[in-house]
Amino acid sequence: MSRIAIVDLEVFYCVGVPDEERAKPQRLLLTIEIDLDFSAASVSDRIEKTIDYNEIAQDLLTYGEGRSWKLLEKLAANVADRIMTAYRPQRVAVEVKKFIIPQARYVSVALSRTRGR
């Protein structure tokens, strides 16, 4: 199995428990790790034989438009489900970083989804 990673993609989504926190988009960083067999792409040099990471990044940059979440856990699950459905990797891992606690560098939530065999 091989892996494609998008590390710390900067997005702006409305997320937070209080209504005031969800009132406007805030900066988050998404790290996405996608496991798939891209051996055919490594031989053919054809993007059609792999998952286009730029397409995923562009998708995630606009994914939050018109949406809001109370919990990072729900956001991470929705992002993972979106990638599993739209791009069909064998496995996806998602980490969401939020910069809400001034005394901490960030708070993060991470989860993964694996395609059933």
N, C-alpha and C. Protein backbone atom coordinates (compact mmCIF):
# COMPACT_ATOMS: atom_id res chain seq x y z
N MET A 1 0.85 -1.18 0.00
CA MET A 1 0.00 0.00 0.00
C MET A 1 0.89 1.24 0.00
N SER A 2 0.43 2.26 -0.66
CA SER A 2 1.16 3.52 -0.77
C SER A 2 0.32 4.63 -0.16
N ARG A 3 0.94 5.77 0.07
CA ARG A 3 0.25 6.86 0.77
C ARG A 3 0.49 8.19 0.07
N ILE A 4 -0.57 8.99 0.00
CA ILE A 4 -0.50 10.39 -0.41
C ILE A 4 -0.90 11.20 0.81
N ALA A 5 -0.16 12.26 1.10
CA ALA A 5 -0.47 13.10 2.26
C ALA A 5 -0.59 14.56 1.84
N ILE A 6 -1.60 15.21 2.37
CA ILE A 6 -1.76 16.66 2.28
C ILE A 6 -1.62 17.15 3.71
N VAL A 7 -0.58 17.92 3.99
CA VAL A 7 -0.26 18.27 5.37
C VAL A 7 -0.56 19.75 5.63
N ASP A 8 -1.39 19.98 6.65
CA ASP A 8 -1.72 21.32 7.12
C ASP A 8 -2.31 22.22 6.03
N LEU A 9 -3.32 21.70 5.35
CA LEU A 9 -4.07 22.50 4.38
C LEU A 9 -4.87 23.54 5.16
N GLU A 10 -4.66 24.80 4.86
CA GLU A 10 -5.36 25.88 5.57
C GLU A 10 -6.75 26.08 4.98
N VAL A 11 -7.76 25.90 5.84
CA VAL A 11 -9.15 26.10 5.44
C VAL A 11 -9.82 27.03 6.46
N PHE A 12 -10.95 27.55 6.09
CA PHE A 12 -11.71 28.43 6.98
C PHE A 12 -13.14 27.90 7.05
N TYR A 13 -13.47 27.28 8.19
CA TYR A 13 -14.78 26.67 8.42
C TYR A 13 -15.37 27.26 9.70
N CYS A 14 -16.70 27.20 9.79
CA CYS A 14 -17.42 27.62 11.00
C CYS A 14 -17.54 26.40 11.92
N VAL A 15 -16.85 26.45 13.03
CA VAL A 15 -16.87 25.32 13.97
C VAL A 15 -16.72 25.84 15.39
N GLY A 16 -17.51 25.28 16.30
CA GLY A 16 -17.44 25.66 17.71
C GLY A 16 -18.77 25.41 18.39
N VAL A 17 -18.72 25.14 19.67
CA VAL A 17 -19.94 24.86 20.42
C VAL A 17 -20.80 26.12 20.57
N PRO A 18 -20.25 27.25 21.04
CA PRO A 18 -21.10 28.44 21.17
C PRO A 18 -21.48 29.02 19.80
N ASP A 19 -22.68 29.56 19.70
CA ASP A 19 -23.13 30.18 18.45
C ASP A 19 -22.17 31.27 17.98
N GLU A 20 -21.63 32.04 18.93
CA GLU A 20 -20.72 33.14 18.58
C GLU A 20 -19.47 32.62 17.88
N GLU A 21 -19.02 31.45 18.28
CA GLU A 21 -17.80 30.88 17.69
C GLU A 21 -18.07 30.40 16.27
N ARG A 22 -19.29 29.95 16.03
CA ARG A 22 -19.65 29.49 14.69
C ARG A 22 -20.13 30.62 13.78
N ALA A 23 -20.19 31.83 14.29
CA ALA A 23 -20.74 32.95 13.53
C ALA A 23 -19.90 33.31 12.31
N LYS A 24 -18.60 33.07 12.38
CA LYS A 24 -17.75 33.37 11.22
C LYS A 24 -16.70 32.29 11.08
N PRO A 25 -16.25 32.05 9.85
CA PRO A 25 -15.25 30.99 9.64
C PRO A 25 -13.95 31.28 10.39
N GLN A 26 -13.34 30.24 10.89
CA GLN A 26 -12.06 30.37 11.56
C GLN A 26 -11.02 29.47 10.90
N ARG A 27 -9.80 29.83 11.08
CA ARG A 27 -8.68 29.11 10.48
C ARG A 27 -8.51 27.75 11.13
N LEU A 28 -8.44 26.72 10.28
CA LEU A 28 -8.15 25.36 10.71
C LEU A 28 -7.08 24.81 9.78
N LEU A 29 -6.35 23.81 10.24
CA LEU A 29 -5.40 23.10 9.38
C LEU A 29 -5.86 21.66 9.29
N LEU A 30 -5.96 21.15 8.07
CA LEU A 30 -6.34 19.76 7.83
C LEU A 30 -5.14 18.98 7.32
N THR A 31 -4.91 17.84 7.91
CA THR A 31 -3.93 16.90 7.37
C THR A 31 -4.68 15.66 6.95
N ILE A 32 -4.48 15.28 5.70
CA ILE A 32 -5.17 14.15 5.10
C ILE A 32 -4.13 13.15 4.63
N GLU A 33 -4.25 11.90 5.07
CA GLU A 33 -3.40 10.82 4.59
C GLU A 33 -4.29 9.80 3.90
N ILE A 34 -3.95 9.50 2.65
CA ILE A 34 -4.77 8.62 1.83
C ILE A 34 -3.92 7.41 1.45
N ASP A 35 -4.40 6.23 1.81
CA ASP A 35 -3.72 4.98 1.44
C ASP A 35 -4.42 4.38 0.23
N LEU A 36 -3.63 4.02 -0.76
CA LEU A 36 -4.14 3.40 -1.97
C LEU A 36 -2.98 2.72 -2.68
N ASP A 37 -3.29 1.89 -3.61
CA ASP A 37 -2.27 1.25 -4.44
C ASP A 37 -2.07 2.12 -5.68
N PHE A 38 -0.98 2.88 -5.72
CA PHE A 38 -0.74 3.70 -6.90
C PHE A 38 0.42 3.15 -7.74
N SER A 39 0.62 1.84 -7.69
CA SER A 39 1.69 1.23 -8.49
C SER A 39 1.44 1.43 -9.99
N ALA A 40 0.19 1.39 -10.44
CA ALA A 40 -0.10 1.61 -11.86
C ALA A 40 0.27 3.02 -12.28
N ALA A 41 0.05 3.99 -11.40
CA ALA A 41 0.42 5.38 -11.71
C ALA A 41 1.93 5.55 -11.74
N SER A 42 2.63 4.85 -10.86
CA SER A 42 4.09 4.99 -10.84
C SER A 42 4.73 4.39 -12.09
N VAL A 43 4.07 3.46 -12.73
CA VAL A 43 4.58 2.86 -13.97
C VAL A 43 4.13 3.68 -15.18
N SER A 44 2.85 4.07 -15.21
CA SER A 44 2.29 4.74 -16.39
C SER A 44 2.51 6.24 -16.42
N ASP A 45 2.76 6.85 -15.25
CA ASP A 45 2.90 8.31 -15.14
C ASP A 45 1.61 9.02 -15.56
N ARG A 46 0.46 8.39 -15.26
CA ARG A 46 -0.85 8.93 -15.63
C ARG A 46 -1.67 9.22 -14.37
N ILE A 47 -2.16 10.43 -14.29
CA ILE A 47 -2.92 10.84 -13.11
C ILE A 47 -4.22 10.05 -12.95
N GLU A 48 -4.74 9.54 -14.05
CA GLU A 48 -5.97 8.75 -13.99
C GLU A 48 -5.79 7.46 -13.20
N LYS A 49 -4.56 7.07 -12.96
CA LYS A 49 -4.27 5.81 -12.26
C LYS A 49 -4.04 6.02 -10.76
N THR A 50 -4.31 7.24 -10.29
CA THR A 50 -4.12 7.55 -8.87
C THR A 50 -5.24 8.48 -8.41
N ILE A 51 -5.13 9.02 -7.22
CA ILE A 51 -6.06 10.03 -6.72
C ILE A 51 -5.38 11.38 -6.83
N ASP A 52 -6.04 12.32 -7.44
CA ASP A 52 -5.50 13.66 -7.69
C ASP A 52 -5.56 14.47 -6.39
N TYR A 53 -4.42 14.64 -5.73
CA TYR A 53 -4.39 15.36 -4.45
C TYR A 53 -4.78 16.82 -4.60
N ASN A 54 -4.52 17.42 -5.76
CA ASN A 54 -4.93 18.80 -5.97
C ASN A 54 -6.45 18.91 -6.01
N GLU A 55 -7.11 17.93 -6.61
CA GLU A 55 -8.57 17.91 -6.64
C GLU A 55 -9.14 17.82 -5.23
N ILE A 56 -8.54 16.98 -4.40
CA ILE A 56 -9.00 16.86 -3.01
C ILE A 56 -8.79 18.18 -2.27
N ALA A 57 -7.63 18.79 -2.44
CA ALA A 57 -7.35 20.05 -1.76
C ALA A 57 -8.36 21.13 -2.17
N GLN A 58 -8.63 21.24 -3.46
CA GLN A 58 -9.59 22.24 -3.93
C GLN A 58 -10.98 21.95 -3.38
N ASP A 59 -11.35 20.69 -3.33
CA ASP A 59 -12.63 20.27 -2.76
C ASP A 59 -12.73 20.70 -1.30
N LEU A 60 -11.69 20.45 -0.52
CA LEU A 60 -11.71 20.78 0.91
C LEU A 60 -11.66 22.28 1.17
N LEU A 61 -11.04 23.04 0.28
CA LEU A 61 -10.99 24.49 0.47
C LEU A 61 -12.40 25.10 0.45
N THR A 62 -13.31 24.49 -0.28
CA THR A 62 -14.67 25.03 -0.37
C THR A 62 -15.69 24.18 0.40
N TYR A 63 -15.27 23.09 0.98
CA TYR A 63 -16.18 22.16 1.65
C TYR A 63 -16.97 22.81 2.79
N GLY A 64 -16.40 23.77 3.46
CA GLY A 64 -17.07 24.40 4.60
C GLY A 64 -18.07 25.48 4.24
N GLU A 65 -18.14 25.85 2.98
CA GLU A 65 -19.06 26.93 2.59
C GLU A 65 -20.50 26.52 2.84
N GLY A 66 -21.21 27.33 3.61
CA GLY A 66 -22.61 27.07 3.91
C GLY A 66 -22.83 25.98 4.95
N ARG A 67 -21.75 25.53 5.60
CA ARG A 67 -21.86 24.48 6.62
C ARG A 67 -21.29 25.00 7.93
N SER A 68 -21.71 24.36 9.02
CA SER A 68 -21.08 24.62 10.31
C SER A 68 -21.15 23.35 11.14
N TRP A 69 -20.23 23.26 12.08
CA TRP A 69 -20.13 22.11 12.98
C TRP A 69 -19.93 22.63 14.39
N LYS A 70 -20.48 21.92 15.35
CA LYS A 70 -20.21 22.24 16.76
C LYS A 70 -18.91 21.59 17.20
N LEU A 71 -18.69 20.36 16.79
CA LEU A 71 -17.53 19.59 17.28
C LEU A 71 -16.52 19.29 16.18
N LEU A 72 -15.25 19.36 16.54
CA LEU A 72 -14.19 18.96 15.62
C LEU A 72 -14.34 17.48 15.26
N GLU A 73 -14.82 16.69 16.20
CA GLU A 73 -15.01 15.25 15.95
C GLU A 73 -15.96 15.02 14.78
N LYS A 74 -17.06 15.76 14.74
CA LYS A 74 -18.04 15.63 13.66
C LYS A 74 -17.45 16.13 12.35
N LEU A 75 -16.72 17.24 12.40
CA LEU A 75 -16.08 17.78 11.21
C LEU A 75 -15.10 16.76 10.63
N ALA A 76 -14.24 16.20 11.46
CA ALA A 76 -13.26 15.21 10.99
C ALA A 76 -13.95 14.01 10.36
N ALA A 77 -15.03 13.54 10.99
CA ALA A 77 -15.77 12.40 10.45
C ALA A 77 -16.40 12.74 9.10
N ASN A 78 -16.95 13.95 8.98
CA ASN A 78 -17.56 14.35 7.70
C ASN A 78 -16.53 14.46 6.60
N VAL A 79 -15.36 15.01 6.90
CA VAL A 79 -14.28 15.12 5.90
C VAL A 79 -13.83 13.72 5.48
N ALA A 80 -13.62 12.83 6.43
CA ALA A 80 -13.19 11.47 6.11
C ALA A 80 -14.23 10.77 5.24
N ASP A 81 -15.50 10.89 5.61
CA ASP A 81 -16.56 10.25 4.83
C ASP A 81 -16.63 10.83 3.42
N ARG A 82 -16.45 12.13 3.30
CA ARG A 82 -16.46 12.78 1.98
C ARG A 82 -15.35 12.20 1.10
N ILE A 83 -14.16 12.08 1.64
CA ILE A 83 -13.04 11.56 0.85
C ILE A 83 -13.25 10.09 0.50
N MET A 84 -13.74 9.30 1.45
CA MET A 84 -13.99 7.89 1.16
C MET A 84 -15.03 7.72 0.05
N THR A 85 -16.07 8.54 0.08
CA THR A 85 -17.14 8.44 -0.91
C THR A 85 -16.72 8.97 -2.27
N ALA A 86 -16.12 10.14 -2.29
CA ALA A 86 -15.81 10.81 -3.55
C ALA A 86 -14.57 10.26 -4.26
N TYR A 87 -13.56 9.82 -3.48
CA TYR A 87 -12.28 9.46 -4.09
C TYR A 87 -11.92 7.99 -3.95
N ARG A 88 -12.64 7.28 -3.09
CA ARG A 88 -12.55 5.84 -2.93
C ARG A 88 -11.15 5.28 -2.63
N PRO A 89 -10.44 5.86 -1.68
CA PRO A 89 -9.16 5.26 -1.27
C PRO A 89 -9.41 4.01 -0.43
N GLN A 90 -8.36 3.25 -0.18
CA GLN A 90 -8.47 2.10 0.71
C GLN A 90 -8.66 2.56 2.16
N ARG A 91 -7.98 3.65 2.50
CA ARG A 91 -8.02 4.18 3.86
C ARG A 91 -7.77 5.68 3.81
N VAL A 92 -8.39 6.42 4.73
CA VAL A 92 -8.10 7.84 4.87
C VAL A 92 -7.96 8.14 6.36
N ALA A 93 -6.99 8.99 6.68
CA ALA A 93 -6.83 9.51 8.04
C ALA A 93 -6.94 11.03 7.94
N VAL A 94 -7.68 11.61 8.88
CA VAL A 94 -7.92 13.05 8.89
C VAL A 94 -7.53 13.59 10.26
N GLU A 95 -6.77 14.67 10.26
CA GLU A 95 -6.49 15.41 11.49
C GLU A 95 -6.93 16.85 11.27
N VAL A 96 -7.67 17.39 12.23
CA VAL A 96 -8.12 18.78 12.18
C VAL A 96 -7.48 19.52 13.35
N LYS A 97 -6.78 20.60 13.04
CA LYS A 97 -6.16 21.44 14.07
C LYS A 97 -6.91 22.75 14.18
N LYS A 98 -7.19 23.15 15.43
CA LYS A 98 -7.93 24.38 15.71
C LYS A 98 -7.11 25.20 16.71
N PHE A 99 -7.15 26.50 16.56
CA PHE A 99 -6.31 27.40 17.35
C PHE A 99 -7.19 28.24 18.28
N ILE A 100 -7.77 27.59 19.28
CA ILE A 100 -8.77 28.22 20.12
C ILE A 100 -8.30 28.49 21.54
N ILE A 101 -7.33 27.72 22.02
CA ILE A 101 -6.84 27.90 23.38
C ILE A 101 -5.54 28.69 23.32
N PRO A 102 -5.54 29.93 23.82
CA PRO A 102 -4.36 30.78 23.68
C PRO A 102 -3.08 30.17 24.28
N GLN A 103 -3.20 29.39 25.32
CA GLN A 103 -2.03 28.82 25.99
C GLN A 103 -1.52 27.55 25.30
N ALA A 104 -2.21 27.08 24.29
CA ALA A 104 -1.81 25.86 23.57
C ALA A 104 -1.50 26.20 22.12
N ARG A 105 -0.56 25.49 21.54
CA ARG A 105 -0.24 25.70 20.12
C ARG A 105 -1.46 25.40 19.26
N TYR A 106 -2.16 24.30 19.55
CA TYR A 106 -3.41 23.98 18.88
C TYR A 106 -4.10 22.83 19.61
N VAL A 107 -5.35 22.61 19.26
CA VAL A 107 -6.13 21.45 19.70
C VAL A 107 -6.39 20.65 18.43
N SER A 108 -6.30 19.33 18.50
CA SER A 108 -6.57 18.56 17.30
C SER A 108 -7.40 17.33 17.59
N VAL A 109 -8.07 16.88 16.55
CA VAL A 109 -8.85 15.65 16.55
C VAL A 109 -8.40 14.87 15.33
N ALA A 110 -8.23 13.56 15.49
CA ALA A 110 -7.80 12.72 14.36
C ALA A 110 -8.62 11.44 14.35
N LEU A 111 -8.92 10.98 13.15
CA LEU A 111 -9.59 9.69 13.00
C LEU A 111 -9.27 9.12 11.63
N SER A 112 -9.61 7.84 11.46
CA SER A 112 -9.38 7.22 10.15
C SER A 112 -10.58 6.35 9.79
N ARG A 113 -10.71 6.13 8.51
CA ARG A 113 -11.74 5.26 7.95
C ARG A 113 -11.05 4.29 7.00
N THR A 114 -11.49 3.04 7.02
CA THR A 114 -10.95 2.02 6.13
C THR A 114 -12.08 1.40 5.34
N ARG A 115 -11.85 1.20 4.06
CA ARG A 115 -12.86 0.59 3.19
C ARG A 115 -12.98 -0.88 3.54
N GLY A 116 -14.21 -1.35 3.66
CA GLY A 116 -14.45 -2.77 3.93
C GLY A 116 -14.03 -3.63 2.76
N ARG A 117 -13.59 -4.80 3.01
CA ARG A 117 -13.09 -5.68 1.93
C ARG A 117 -14.21 -6.46 1.32
